Amino acid sequence: MLIGELSERTGVSRRALRYYEEQGLLVPERACNGYRVYAQDAPLIVSQIQGLFAAGFDSDAVRQYLPCARGSAPQLEMCAELRSHLTGRAAELEAQAKTLTRLREKMLAHLT
């Protein structure tokens, strides 16, 4: 399928699909006229990419763990490396949340 059809089927812009390609997340073939030609499973892969981005993964992590994705939600097959990544990322988010809470409290203190 061509990029326009993939965009329509997934609701993802052509620009985003080209970004996924630049990042090595989605690899189309090229027709002799230079058009991108996507495999039949491309909509599933796009759904998995979006799911991982929505879960807070950056492009490097999506590239690394996309092979572990199963289904469109996606579910991830757990391995020691992925568990370590998720645990570390959760700790980073917890630290950020605490920082934001402190800043919010300081800001609100100025209102009283």
PDB file of N, CA and C in Angstrom:
ATOM      1  N   MET A   1       0.845  -1.176   0.000  1.00  0.00           N
ATOM      2  CA  MET A   1       0.000   0.000   0.000  1.00  0.00           C
ATOM      3  C   MET A   1       0.885   1.232   0.000  1.00  0.00           C
ATOM      4  N   LEU A   2       0.379   2.306  -0.560  1.00  0.00           N
ATOM      5  CA  LEU A   2       1.114   3.562  -0.635  1.00  0.00           C
ATOM      6  C   LEU A   2       0.889   4.376   0.638  1.00  0.00           C
ATOM      7  N   ILE A   3       1.680   5.419   0.813  1.00  0.00           N
ATOM      8  CA  ILE A   3       1.641   6.208   2.046  1.00  0.00           C
ATOM      9  C   ILE A   3       0.272   6.832   2.293  1.00  0.00           C
ATOM     10  N   GLY A   4      -0.408   7.274   1.232  1.00  0.00           N
ATOM     11  CA  GLY A   4      -1.731   7.864   1.394  1.00  0.00           C
ATOM     12  C   GLY A   4      -2.737   6.868   1.950  1.00  0.00           C
ATOM     13  N   GLU A   5      -2.707   5.645   1.445  1.00  0.00           N
ATOM     14  CA  GLU A   5      -3.622   4.623   1.935  1.00  0.00           C
ATOM     15  C   GLU A   5      -3.305   4.263   3.389  1.00  0.00           C
ATOM     16  N   LEU A   6      -2.010   4.141   3.697  1.00  0.00           N
ATOM     17  CA  LEU A   6      -1.627   3.831   5.079  1.00  0.00           C
ATOM     18  C   LEU A   6      -2.065   4.954   6.008  1.00  0.00           C
ATOM     19  N   SER A   7      -1.913   6.184   5.571  1.00  0.00           N
ATOM     20  CA  SER A   7      -2.343   7.330   6.358  1.00  0.00           C
ATOM     21  C   SER A   7      -3.850   7.276   6.606  1.00  0.00           C
ATOM     22  N   GLU A   8      -4.608   6.987   5.581  1.00  0.00           N
ATOM     23  CA  GLU A   8      -6.070   6.896   5.729  1.00  0.00           C
ATOM     24  C   GLU A   8      -6.474   5.749   6.645  1.00  0.00           C
ATOM     25  N   ARG A   9      -5.848   4.610   6.491  1.00  0.00           N
ATOM     26  CA  ARG A   9      -6.216   3.426   7.281  1.00  0.00           C
ATOM     27  C   ARG A   9      -5.874   3.583   8.753  1.00  0.00           C
ATOM     28  N   THR A  10      -4.815   4.331   9.040  1.00  0.00           N
ATOM     29  CA  THR A  10      -4.356   4.445  10.429  1.00  0.00           C
ATOM     30  C   THR A  10      -4.738   5.768  11.095  1.00  0.00           C
ATOM     31  N   GLY A  11      -5.082   6.764  10.290  1.00  0.00           N
ATOM     32  CA  GLY A  11      -5.358   8.084  10.845  1.00  0.00           C
ATOM     33  C   GLY A  11      -4.101   8.831  11.238  1.00  0.00           C
ATOM     34  N   VAL A  12      -2.960   8.358  10.770  1.00  0.00           N
ATOM     35  CA  VAL A  12      -1.670   8.967  11.080  1.00  0.00           C
ATOM     36  C   VAL A  12      -1.249   9.780   9.857  1.00  0.00           C
ATOM     37  N   SER A  13      -0.775  10.979  10.083  1.00  0.00           N
ATOM     38  CA  SER A  13      -0.415  11.849   8.961  1.00  0.00           C
ATOM     39  C   SER A  13       0.750  11.270   8.156  1.00  0.00           C
ATOM     40  N   ARG A  14       0.816  11.674   6.916  1.00  0.00           N
ATOM     41  CA  ARG A  14       1.933  11.259   6.061  1.00  0.00           C
ATOM     42  C   ARG A  14       3.248  11.742   6.643  1.00  0.00           C
ATOM     43  N   ARG A  15       3.216  12.932   7.199  1.00  0.00           N
ATOM     44  CA  ARG A  15       4.429  13.482   7.803  1.00  0.00           C
ATOM     45  C   ARG A  15       4.930  12.580   8.930  1.00  0.00           C
ATOM     46  N   ALA A  16       4.001  12.119   9.788  1.00  0.00           N
ATOM     47  CA  ALA A  16       4.386  11.230  10.891  1.00  0.00           C
ATOM     48  C   ALA A  16       4.920   9.913  10.351  1.00  0.00           C
ATOM     49  N   LEU A  17       4.303   9.392   9.306  1.00  0.00           N
ATOM     50  CA  LEU A  17       4.786   8.138   8.715  1.00  0.00           C
ATOM     51  C   LEU A  17       6.189   8.307   8.161  1.00  0.00           C
ATOM     52  N   ARG A  18       6.463   9.448   7.541  1.00  0.00           N
ATOM     53  CA  ARG A  18       7.825   9.704   7.042  1.00  0.00           C
ATOM     54  C   ARG A  18       8.809   9.834   8.207  1.00  0.00           C
ATOM     55  N   TYR A  19       8.355  10.449   9.313  1.00  0.00           N
ATOM     56  CA  TYR A  19       9.195  10.536  10.513  1.00  0.00           C
ATOM     57  C   TYR A  19       9.514   9.140  11.038  1.00  0.00           C
ATOM     58  N   TYR A  20       8.507   8.267  11.092  1.00  0.00           N
ATOM     59  CA  TYR A  20       8.738   6.896  11.543  1.00  0.00           C
ATOM     60  C   TYR A  20       9.783   6.227  10.662  1.00  0.00           C
ATOM     61  N   GLU A  21       9.729   6.494   9.376  1.00  0.00           N
ATOM     62  CA  GLU A  21      10.719   5.931   8.458  1.00  0.00           C
ATOM     63  C   GLU A  21      12.103   6.502   8.753  1.00  0.00           C
ATOM     64  N   GLU A  22      12.197   7.812   8.931  1.00  0.00           N
ATOM     65  CA  GLU A  22      13.490   8.447   9.241  1.00  0.00           C
ATOM     66  C   GLU A  22      14.113   7.860  10.493  1.00  0.00           C
ATOM     67  N   GLN A  23      13.270   7.531  11.463  1.00  0.00           N
ATOM     68  CA  GLN A  23      13.741   6.981  12.733  1.00  0.00           C
ATOM     69  C   GLN A  23      14.029   5.489  12.668  1.00  0.00           C
ATOM     70  N   GLY A  24      13.751   4.863  11.525  1.00  0.00           N
ATOM     71  CA  GLY A  24      13.988   3.438  11.365  1.00  0.00           C
ATOM     72  C   GLY A  24      12.935   2.568  12.039  1.00  0.00           C
ATOM     73  N   LEU A  25      11.759   3.147  12.304  1.00  0.00           N
ATOM     74  CA  LEU A  25      10.700   2.417  12.981  1.00  0.00           C
ATOM     75  C   LEU A  25       9.780   1.698  11.997  1.00  0.00           C
ATOM     76  N   LEU A  26       9.642   2.235  10.822  1.00  0.00           N
ATOM     77  CA  LEU A  26       8.756   1.708   9.791  1.00  0.00           C
ATOM     78  C   LEU A  26       9.555   1.734   8.489  1.00  0.00           C
ATOM     79  N   VAL A  27       9.717   0.578   7.886  1.00  0.00           N
ATOM     80  CA  VAL A  27      10.614   0.483   6.721  1.00  0.00           C
ATOM     81  C   VAL A  27       9.826   0.031   5.489  1.00  0.00           C
ATOM     82  N   PRO A  28       9.451   0.998   4.642  1.00  0.00           N
ATOM     83  CA  PRO A  28       8.764   0.621   3.414  1.00  0.00           C
ATOM     84  C   PRO A  28       9.771   0.213   2.341  1.00  0.00           C
ATOM     85  N   GLU A  29       9.265  -0.475   1.356  1.00  0.00           N
ATOM     86  CA  GLU A  29      10.080  -0.718   0.167  1.00  0.00           C
ATOM     87  C   GLU A  29       9.858   0.470  -0.752  1.00  0.00           C
ATOM     88  N   ARG A  30      10.642   0.555  -1.808  1.00  0.00           N
ATOM     89  CA  ARG A  30      10.471   1.628  -2.785  1.00  0.00           C
ATOM     90  C   ARG A  30      10.136   1.018  -4.131  1.00  0.00           C
ATOM     91  N   ALA A  31       9.083   1.552  -4.742  1.00  0.00           N
ATOM     92  CA  ALA A  31       8.727   1.127  -6.095  1.00  0.00           C
ATOM     93  C   ALA A  31       9.737   1.742  -7.064  1.00  0.00           C
ATOM     94  N   CYS A  32       9.749   1.272  -8.294  1.00  0.00           N
ATOM     95  CA  CYS A  32      10.708   1.801  -9.273  1.00  0.00           C
ATOM     96  C   CYS A  32      10.489   3.290  -9.532  1.00  0.00           C
ATOM     97  N   ASN A  33       9.290   3.804  -9.244  1.00  0.00           N
ATOM     98  CA  ASN A  33       9.038   5.234  -9.409  1.00  0.00           C
ATOM     99  C   ASN A  33       9.406   6.037  -8.150  1.00  0.00           C
ATOM    100  N   GLY A  34       9.947   5.354  -7.129  1.00  0.00           N
ATOM    101  CA  GLY A  34      10.379   6.011  -5.901  1.00  0.00           C
ATOM    102  C   GLY A  34       9.318   6.089  -4.821  1.00  0.00           C
ATOM    103  N   TYR A  35       8.085   5.685  -5.114  1.00  0.00           N
ATOM    104  CA  TYR A  35       7.017   5.730  -4.122  1.00  0.00           C
ATOM    105  C   TYR A  35       7.285   4.715  -3.009  1.00  0.00           C
ATOM    106  N   ARG A  36       6.890   5.096  -1.811  1.00  0.00           N
ATOM    107  CA  ARG A  36       6.973   4.167  -0.682  1.00  0.00           C
ATOM    108  C   ARG A  36       5.867   3.126  -0.838  1.00  0.00           C
ATOM    109  N   VAL A  37       6.225   1.871  -0.618  1.00  0.00           N
ATOM    110  CA  VAL A  37       5.247   0.784  -0.658  1.00  0.00           C
ATOM    111  C   VAL A  37       5.344   0.047   0.675  1.00  0.00           C
ATOM    112  N   TYR A  38       4.233   0.080   1.423  1.00  0.00           N
ATOM    113  CA  TYR A  38       4.211  -0.518   2.748  1.00  0.00           C
ATOM    114  C   TYR A  38       3.621  -1.919   2.706  1.00  0.00           C
ATOM    115  N   ALA A  39       4.134  -2.775   3.579  1.00  0.00           N
ATOM    116  CA  ALA A  39       3.650  -4.153   3.685  1.00  0.00           C
ATOM    117  C   ALA A  39       2.240  -4.156   4.278  1.00  0.00           C
ATOM    118  N   GLN A  40       1.561  -5.270   4.156  1.00  0.00           N
ATOM    119  CA  GLN A  40       0.192  -5.397   4.648  1.00  0.00           C
ATOM    120  C   GLN A  40       0.097  -5.263   6.172  1.00  0.00           C
ATOM    121  N   ASP A  41       1.187  -5.579   6.888  1.00  0.00           N
ATOM    122  CA  ASP A  41       1.155  -5.465   8.347  1.00  0.00           C
ATOM    123  C   ASP A  41       1.523  -4.060   8.838  1.00  0.00           C
ATOM    124  N   ALA A  42       1.742  -3.125   7.927  1.00  0.00           N
ATOM    125  CA  ALA A  42       2.133  -1.766   8.313  1.00  0.00           C
ATOM    126  C   ALA A  42       1.122  -1.092   9.244  1.00  0.00           C
ATOM    127  N   PRO A  43      -0.201  -1.241   9.028  1.00  0.00           N
ATOM    128  CA  PRO A  43      -1.131  -0.605   9.978  1.00  0.00           C
ATOM    129  C   PRO A  43      -0.946  -1.108  11.417  1.00  0.00           C
ATOM    130  N   LEU A  44      -0.685  -2.390  11.578  1.00  0.00           N
ATOM    131  CA  LEU A  44      -0.433  -2.936  12.915  1.00  0.00           C
ATOM    132  C   LEU A  44       0.841  -2.334  13.503  1.00  0.00           C
ATOM    133  N   ILE A  45       1.888  -2.259  12.705  1.00  0.00           N
ATOM    134  CA  ILE A  45       3.151  -1.691  13.181  1.00  0.00           C
ATOM    135  C   ILE A  45       2.974  -0.230  13.570  1.00  0.00           C
ATOM    136  N   VAL A  46       2.238   0.530  12.767  1.00  0.00           N
ATOM    137  CA  VAL A  46       1.977   1.937  13.094  1.00  0.00           C
ATOM    138  C   VAL A  46       1.218   2.030  14.414  1.00  0.00           C
ATOM    139  N   SER A  47       0.249   1.171  14.613  1.00  0.00           N
ATOM    140  CA  SER A  47      -0.510   1.156  15.862  1.00  0.00           C
ATOM    141  C   SER A  47       0.409   0.845  17.045  1.00  0.00           C
ATOM    142  N   GLN A  48       1.314  -0.086  16.870  1.00  0.00           N
ATOM    143  CA  GLN A  48       2.257  -0.431  17.935  1.00  0.00           C
ATOM    144  C   GLN A  48       3.189   0.747  18.223  1.00  0.00           C
ATOM    145  N   ILE A  49       3.689   1.388  17.173  1.00  0.00           N
ATOM    146  CA  ILE A  49       4.569   2.548  17.350  1.00  0.00           C
ATOM    147  C   ILE A  49       3.840   3.624  18.143  1.00  0.00           C
ATOM    148  N   GLN A  50       2.615   3.927  17.754  1.00  0.00           N
ATOM    149  CA  GLN A  50       1.858   4.962  18.450  1.00  0.00           C
ATOM    150  C   GLN A  50       1.574   4.573  19.899  1.00  0.00           C
ATOM    151  N   GLY A  51       1.295   3.300  20.126  1.00  0.00           N
ATOM    152  CA  GLY A  51       1.064   2.839  21.488  1.00  0.00           C
ATOM    153  C   GLY A  51       2.285   3.005  22.366  1.00  0.00           C
ATOM    154  N   LEU A  52       3.453   2.717  21.811  1.00  0.00           N
ATOM    155  CA  LEU A  52       4.690   2.867  22.583  1.00  0.00           C
ATOM    156  C   LEU A  52       4.993   4.337  22.839  1.00  0.00           C
ATOM    157  N   PHE A  53       4.787   5.192  21.828  1.00  0.00           N
ATOM    158  CA  PHE A  53       4.967   6.631  22.056  1.00  0.00           C
ATOM    159  C   PHE A  53       3.998   7.125  23.131  1.00  0.00           C
ATOM    160  N   ALA A  54       2.754   6.678  23.075  1.00  0.00           N
ATOM    161  CA  ALA A  54       1.747   7.098  24.056  1.00  0.00           C
ATOM    162  C   ALA A  54       2.116   6.640  25.466  1.00  0.00           C
ATOM    163  N   ALA A  55       2.857   5.538  25.568  1.00  0.00           N
ATOM    164  CA  ALA A  55       3.284   5.024  26.873  1.00  0.00           C
ATOM    165  C   ALA A  55       4.539   5.727  27.384  1.00  0.00           C
ATOM    166  N   GLY A  56       5.045   6.703  26.620  1.00  0.00           N
ATOM    167  CA  GLY A  56       6.182   7.474  27.087  1.00  0.00           C
ATOM    168  C   GLY A  56       7.531   7.039  26.554  1.00  0.00           C
ATOM    169  N   PHE A  57       7.549   6.103  25.626  1.00  0.00           N
ATOM    170  CA  PHE A  57       8.811   5.683  25.026  1.00  0.00           C
ATOM    171  C   PHE A  57       9.290   6.759  24.058  1.00  0.00           C
ATOM    172  N   ASP A  58      10.605   6.976  24.008  1.00  0.00           N
ATOM    173  CA  ASP A  58      11.156   7.863  22.984  1.00  0.00           C
ATOM    174  C   ASP A  58      11.486   7.028  21.744  1.00  0.00           C
ATOM    175  N   SER A  59      11.918   7.687  20.676  1.00  0.00           N
ATOM    176  CA  SER A  59      12.174   6.985  19.410  1.00  0.00           C
ATOM    177  C   SER A  59      13.194   5.859  19.562  1.00  0.00           C
ATOM    178  N   ASP A  60      14.243   6.107  20.332  1.00  0.00           N
ATOM    179  CA  ASP A  60      15.263   5.069  20.512  1.00  0.00           C
ATOM    180  C   ASP A  60      14.679   3.842  21.212  1.00  0.00           C
ATOM    181  N   ALA A  61      13.869   4.073  22.235  1.00  0.00           N
ATOM    182  CA  ALA A  61      13.259   2.946  22.960  1.00  0.00           C
ATOM    183  C   ALA A  61      12.235   2.236  22.085  1.00  0.00           C
ATOM    184  N   VAL A  62      11.471   2.989  21.291  1.00  0.00           N
ATOM    185  CA  VAL A  62      10.508   2.353  20.390  1.00  0.00           C
ATOM    186  C   VAL A  62      11.262   1.454  19.412  1.00  0.00           C
ATOM    187  N   ARG A  63      12.343   1.966  18.854  1.00  0.00           N
ATOM    188  CA  ARG A  63      13.138   1.168  17.907  1.00  0.00           C
ATOM    189  C   ARG A  63      13.656  -0.100  18.572  1.00  0.00           C
ATOM    190  N   GLN A  64      14.106   0.029  19.801  1.00  0.00           N
ATOM    191  CA  GLN A  64      14.682  -1.108  20.511  1.00  0.00           C
ATOM    192  C   GLN A  64      13.640  -2.148  20.898  1.00  0.00           C
ATOM    193  N   TYR A  65      12.452  -1.685  21.349  1.00  0.00           N
ATOM    194  CA  TYR A  65      11.477  -2.612  21.912  1.00  0.00           C
ATOM    195  C   TYR A  65      10.297  -2.922  20.991  1.00  0.00           C
ATOM    196  N   LEU A  66      10.232  -2.308  19.832  1.00  0.00           N
ATOM    197  CA  LEU A  66       9.151  -2.608  18.894  1.00  0.00           C
ATOM    198  C   LEU A  66       9.079  -4.094  18.551  1.00  0.00           C
ATOM    199  N   PRO A  67      10.212  -4.786  18.421  1.00  0.00           N
ATOM    200  CA  PRO A  67      10.116  -6.232  18.160  1.00  0.00           C
ATOM    201  C   PRO A  67       9.451  -7.017  19.299  1.00  0.00           C
ATOM    202  N   CYS A  68       9.365  -6.430  20.485  1.00  0.00           N
ATOM    203  CA  CYS A  68       8.722  -7.099  21.627  1.00  0.00           C
ATOM    204  C   CYS A  68       7.217  -6.843  21.667  1.00  0.00           C
ATOM    205  N   ALA A  69       6.722  -5.942  20.800  1.00  0.00           N
ATOM    206  CA  ALA A  69       5.308  -5.565  20.812  1.00  0.00           C
ATOM    207  C   ALA A  69       4.455  -6.668  20.199  1.00  0.00           C
ATOM    208  N   ARG A  70       3.333  -6.928  20.831  1.00  0.00           N
ATOM    209  CA  ARG A  70       2.376  -7.921  20.351  1.00  0.00           C
ATOM    210  C   ARG A  70       0.993  -7.300  20.351  1.00  0.00           C
ATOM    211  N   GLY A  71       0.293  -7.357  19.244  1.00  0.00           N
ATOM    212  CA  GLY A  71      -1.047  -6.809  19.142  1.00  0.00           C
ATOM    213  C   GLY A  71      -1.038  -5.312  18.953  1.00  0.00           C
ATOM    214  N   SER A  72      -2.216  -4.753  18.733  1.00  0.00           N
ATOM    215  CA  SER A  72      -2.294  -3.331  18.416  1.00  0.00           C
ATOM    216  C   SER A  72      -2.273  -2.432  19.647  1.00  0.00           C
ATOM    217  N   ALA A  73      -2.456  -2.986  20.852  1.00  0.00           N
ATOM    218  CA  ALA A  73      -2.534  -2.152  22.053  1.00  0.00           C
ATOM    219  C   ALA A  73      -1.240  -1.403  22.378  1.00  0.00           C
ATOM    220  N   PRO A  74      -0.051  -1.817  22.282  1.00  0.00           N
ATOM    221  CA  PRO A  74       0.426  -3.193  22.219  1.00  0.00           C
ATOM    222  C   PRO A  74       0.779  -3.713  23.596  1.00  0.00           C
ATOM    223  N   GLN A  75       0.851  -5.007  23.700  1.00  0.00           N
ATOM    224  CA  GLN A  75       1.420  -5.663  24.870  1.00  0.00           C
ATOM    225  C   GLN A  75       2.894  -5.894  24.556  1.00  0.00           C
ATOM    226  N   LEU A  76       3.728  -5.878  25.565  1.00  0.00           N
ATOM    227  CA  LEU A  76       5.158  -6.088  25.360  1.00  0.00           C
ATOM    228  C   LEU A  76       5.578  -7.406  25.978  1.00  0.00           C
ATOM    229  N   GLU A  77       6.332  -8.197  25.223  1.00  0.00           N
ATOM    230  CA  GLU A  77       6.940  -9.402  25.791  1.00  0.00           C
ATOM    231  C   GLU A  77       8.042  -8.948  26.719  1.00  0.00           C
ATOM    232  N   MET A  78       7.947  -9.330  27.961  1.00  0.00           N
ATOM    233  CA  MET A  78       8.894  -8.861  28.956  1.00  0.00           C
ATOM    234  C   MET A  78      10.203  -9.636  28.876  1.00  0.00           C
ATOM    235  N   CYS A  79      11.296  -8.898  28.945  1.00  0.00           N
ATOM    236  CA  CYS A  79      12.623  -9.488  29.053  1.00  0.00           C
ATOM    237  C   CYS A  79      13.361  -8.654  30.099  1.00  0.00           C
ATOM    238  N   ALA A  80      14.491  -9.120  30.542  1.00  0.00           N
ATOM    239  CA  ALA A  80      15.225  -8.433  31.616  1.00  0.00           C
ATOM    240  C   ALA A  80      15.577  -7.000  31.217  1.00  0.00           C
ATOM    241  N   GLU A  81      15.995  -6.813  29.967  1.00  0.00           N
ATOM    242  CA  GLU A  81      16.391  -5.480  29.519  1.00  0.00           C
ATOM    243  C   GLU A  81      15.194  -4.526  29.489  1.00  0.00           C
ATOM    244  N   LEU A  82      14.061  -5.006  28.993  1.00  0.00           N
ATOM    245  CA  LEU A  82      12.862  -4.172  28.949  1.00  0.00           C
ATOM    246  C   LEU A  82      12.388  -3.854  30.360  1.00  0.00           C
ATOM    247  N   ARG A  83      12.395  -4.837  31.240  1.00  0.00           N
ATOM    248  CA  ARG A  83      11.987  -4.613  32.631  1.00  0.00           C
ATOM    249  C   ARG A  83      12.869  -3.537  33.268  1.00  0.00           C
ATOM    250  N   SER A  84      14.168  -3.602  33.026  1.00  0.00           N
ATOM    251  CA  SER A  84      15.091  -2.619  33.561  1.00  0.00           C
ATOM    252  C   SER A  84      14.790  -1.220  32.999  1.00  0.00           C
ATOM    253  N   HIS A  85      14.530  -1.154  31.704  1.00  0.00           N
ATOM    254  CA  HIS A  85      14.201   0.131  31.071  1.00  0.00           C
ATOM    255  C   HIS A  85      12.932   0.722  31.688  1.00  0.00           C
ATOM    256  N   LEU A  86      11.890  -0.102  31.808  1.00  0.00           N
ATOM    257  CA  LEU A  86      10.617   0.380  32.343  1.00  0.00           C
ATOM    258  C   LEU A  86      10.741   0.799  33.800  1.00  0.00           C
ATOM    259  N   THR A  87      11.491   0.045  34.577  1.00  0.00           N
ATOM    260  CA  THR A  87      11.697   0.382  35.984  1.00  0.00           C
ATOM    261  C   THR A  87      12.444   1.708  36.114  1.00  0.00           C
ATOM    262  N   GLY A  88      13.480   1.875  35.314  1.00  0.00           N
ATOM    263  CA  GLY A  88      14.248   3.123  35.330  1.00  0.00           C
ATOM    264  C   GLY A  88      13.415   4.305  34.888  1.00  0.00           C
ATOM    265  N   ARG A  89      12.653   4.112  33.835  1.00  0.00           N
ATOM    266  CA  ARG A  89      11.802   5.202  33.327  1.00  0.00           C
ATOM    267  C   ARG A  89      10.724   5.569  34.343  1.00  0.00           C
ATOM    268  N   ALA A  90      10.154   4.575  35.011  1.00  0.00           N
ATOM    269  CA  ALA A  90       9.144   4.837  36.038  1.00  0.00           C
ATOM    270  C   ALA A  90       9.749   5.650  37.187  1.00  0.00           C
ATOM    271  N   ALA A  91      10.983   5.334  37.552  1.00  0.00           N
ATOM    272  CA  ALA A  91      11.663   6.083  38.616  1.00  0.00           C
ATOM    273  C   ALA A  91      11.902   7.534  38.181  1.00  0.00           C
ATOM    274  N   GLU A  92      12.292   7.728  36.926  1.00  0.00           N
ATOM    275  CA  GLU A  92      12.484   9.088  36.400  1.00  0.00           C
ATOM    276  C   GLU A  92      11.176   9.876  36.458  1.00  0.00           C
ATOM    277  N   LEU A  93      10.090   9.247  36.052  1.00  0.00           N
ATOM    278  CA  LEU A  93       8.791   9.917  36.062  1.00  0.00           C
ATOM    279  C   LEU A  93       8.348  10.244  37.481  1.00  0.00           C
ATOM    280  N   GLU A  94       8.627   9.355  38.407  1.00  0.00           N
ATOM    281  CA  GLU A  94       8.289   9.604  39.811  1.00  0.00           C
ATOM    282  C   GLU A  94       9.055  10.813  40.340  1.00  0.00           C
ATOM    283  N   ALA A  95      10.339  10.911  40.000  1.00  0.00           N
ATOM    284  CA  ALA A  95      11.143  12.051  40.426  1.00  0.00           C
ATOM    285  C   ALA A  95      10.614  13.347  39.811  1.00  0.00           C
ATOM    286  N   GLN A  96      10.238  13.294  38.541  1.00  0.00           N
ATOM    287  CA  GLN A  96       9.666  14.472  37.889  1.00  0.00           C
ATOM    288  C   GLN A  96       8.352  14.876  38.536  1.00  0.00           C
ATOM    289  N   ALA A  97       7.532  13.899  38.884  1.00  0.00           N
ATOM    290  CA  ALA A  97       6.244  14.185  39.525  1.00  0.00           C
ATOM    291  C   ALA A  97       6.467  14.863  40.877  1.00  0.00           C
ATOM    292  N   LYS A  98       7.441  14.395  41.640  1.00  0.00           N
ATOM    293  CA  LYS A  98       7.739  15.006  42.936  1.00  0.00           C
ATOM    294  C   LYS A  98       8.221  16.444  42.759  1.00  0.00           C
ATOM    295  N   THR A  99       9.062  16.670  41.764  1.00  0.00           N
ATOM    296  CA  THR A  99       9.546  18.019  41.484  1.00  0.00           C
ATOM    297  C   THR A  99       8.392  18.928  41.109  1.00  0.00           C
ATOM    298  N   LEU A 100       7.505  18.459  40.260  1.00  0.00           N
ATOM    299  CA  LEU A 100       6.347  19.259  39.858  1.00  0.00           C
ATOM    300  C   LEU A 100       5.428  19.549  41.036  1.00  0.00           C
ATOM    301  N   THR A 101       5.260  18.587  41.914  1.00  0.00           N
ATOM    302  CA  THR A 101       4.428  18.790  43.095  1.00  0.00           C
ATOM    303  C   THR A 101       5.022  19.876  43.982  1.00  0.00           C
ATOM    304  N   ARG A 102       6.340  19.824  44.181  1.00  0.00           N
ATOM    305  CA  ARG A 102       7.012  20.859  44.994  1.00  0.00           C
ATOM    306  C   ARG A 102       6.846  22.237  44.351  1.00  0.00           C
ATOM    307  N   LEU A 103       7.043  22.319  43.041  1.00  0.00           N
ATOM    308  CA  LEU A 103       6.904  23.605  42.354  1.00  0.00           C
ATOM    309  C   LEU A 103       5.477  24.133  42.444  1.00  0.00           C
ATOM    310  N   ARG A 104       4.511  23.249  42.304  1.00  0.00           N
ATOM    311  CA  ARG A 104       3.104  23.636  42.405  1.00  0.00           C
ATOM    312  C   ARG A 104       2.811  24.186  43.794  1.00  0.00           C
ATOM    313  N   GLU A 105       3.316  23.504  44.824  1.00  0.00           N
ATOM    314  CA  GLU A 105       3.080  23.958  46.192  1.00  0.00           C
ATOM    315  C   GLU A 105       3.712  25.316  46.432  1.00  0.00           C
ATOM    316  N   LYS A 106       4.901  25.542  45.907  1.00  0.00           N
ATOM    317  CA  LYS A 106       5.554  26.848  46.066  1.00  0.00           C
ATOM    318  C   LYS A 106       4.769  27.939  45.350  1.00  0.00           C
ATOM    319  N   MET A 107       4.262  27.618  44.166  1.00  0.00           N
ATOM    320  CA  MET A 107       3.476  28.580  43.404  1.00  0.00           C
ATOM    321  C   MET A 107       2.188  28.923  44.134  1.00  0.00           C
ATOM    322  N   LEU A 108       1.509  27.923  44.652  1.00  0.00           N
ATOM    323  CA  LEU A 108       0.248  28.135  45.355  1.00  0.00           C
ATOM    324  C   LEU A 108       0.455  28.920  46.651  1.00  0.00           C
ATOM    325  N   ALA A 109       1.629  28.771  47.247  1.00  0.00           N
ATOM    326  CA  ALA A 109       1.926  29.506  48.480  1.00  0.00           C
ATOM    327  C   ALA A 109       1.922  31.021  48.234  1.00  0.00           C
ATOM    328  N   HIS A 110       2.233  31.410  47.010  1.00  0.00           N
ATOM    329  CA  HIS A 110       2.219  32.840  46.682  1.00  0.00           C
ATOM    330  C   HIS A 110       0.787  33.371  46.562  1.00  0.00           C
ATOM    331  N   LEU A 111      -0.182  32.503  46.399  1.00  0.00           N
ATOM    332  CA  LEU A 111      -1.563  32.936  46.267  1.00  0.00           C
ATOM    333  C   LEU A 111      -2.231  33.172  47.606  1.00  0.00           C
ATOM    334  N   THR A 112      -1.626  32.707  48.687  1.00  0.00           N
ATOM    335  CA  THR A 112      -2.241  32.876  50.001  1.00  0.00           C
ATOM    336  C   THR A 112      -1.711  34.079  50.738  1.00  0.00           C
TER     337      THR A 112
END
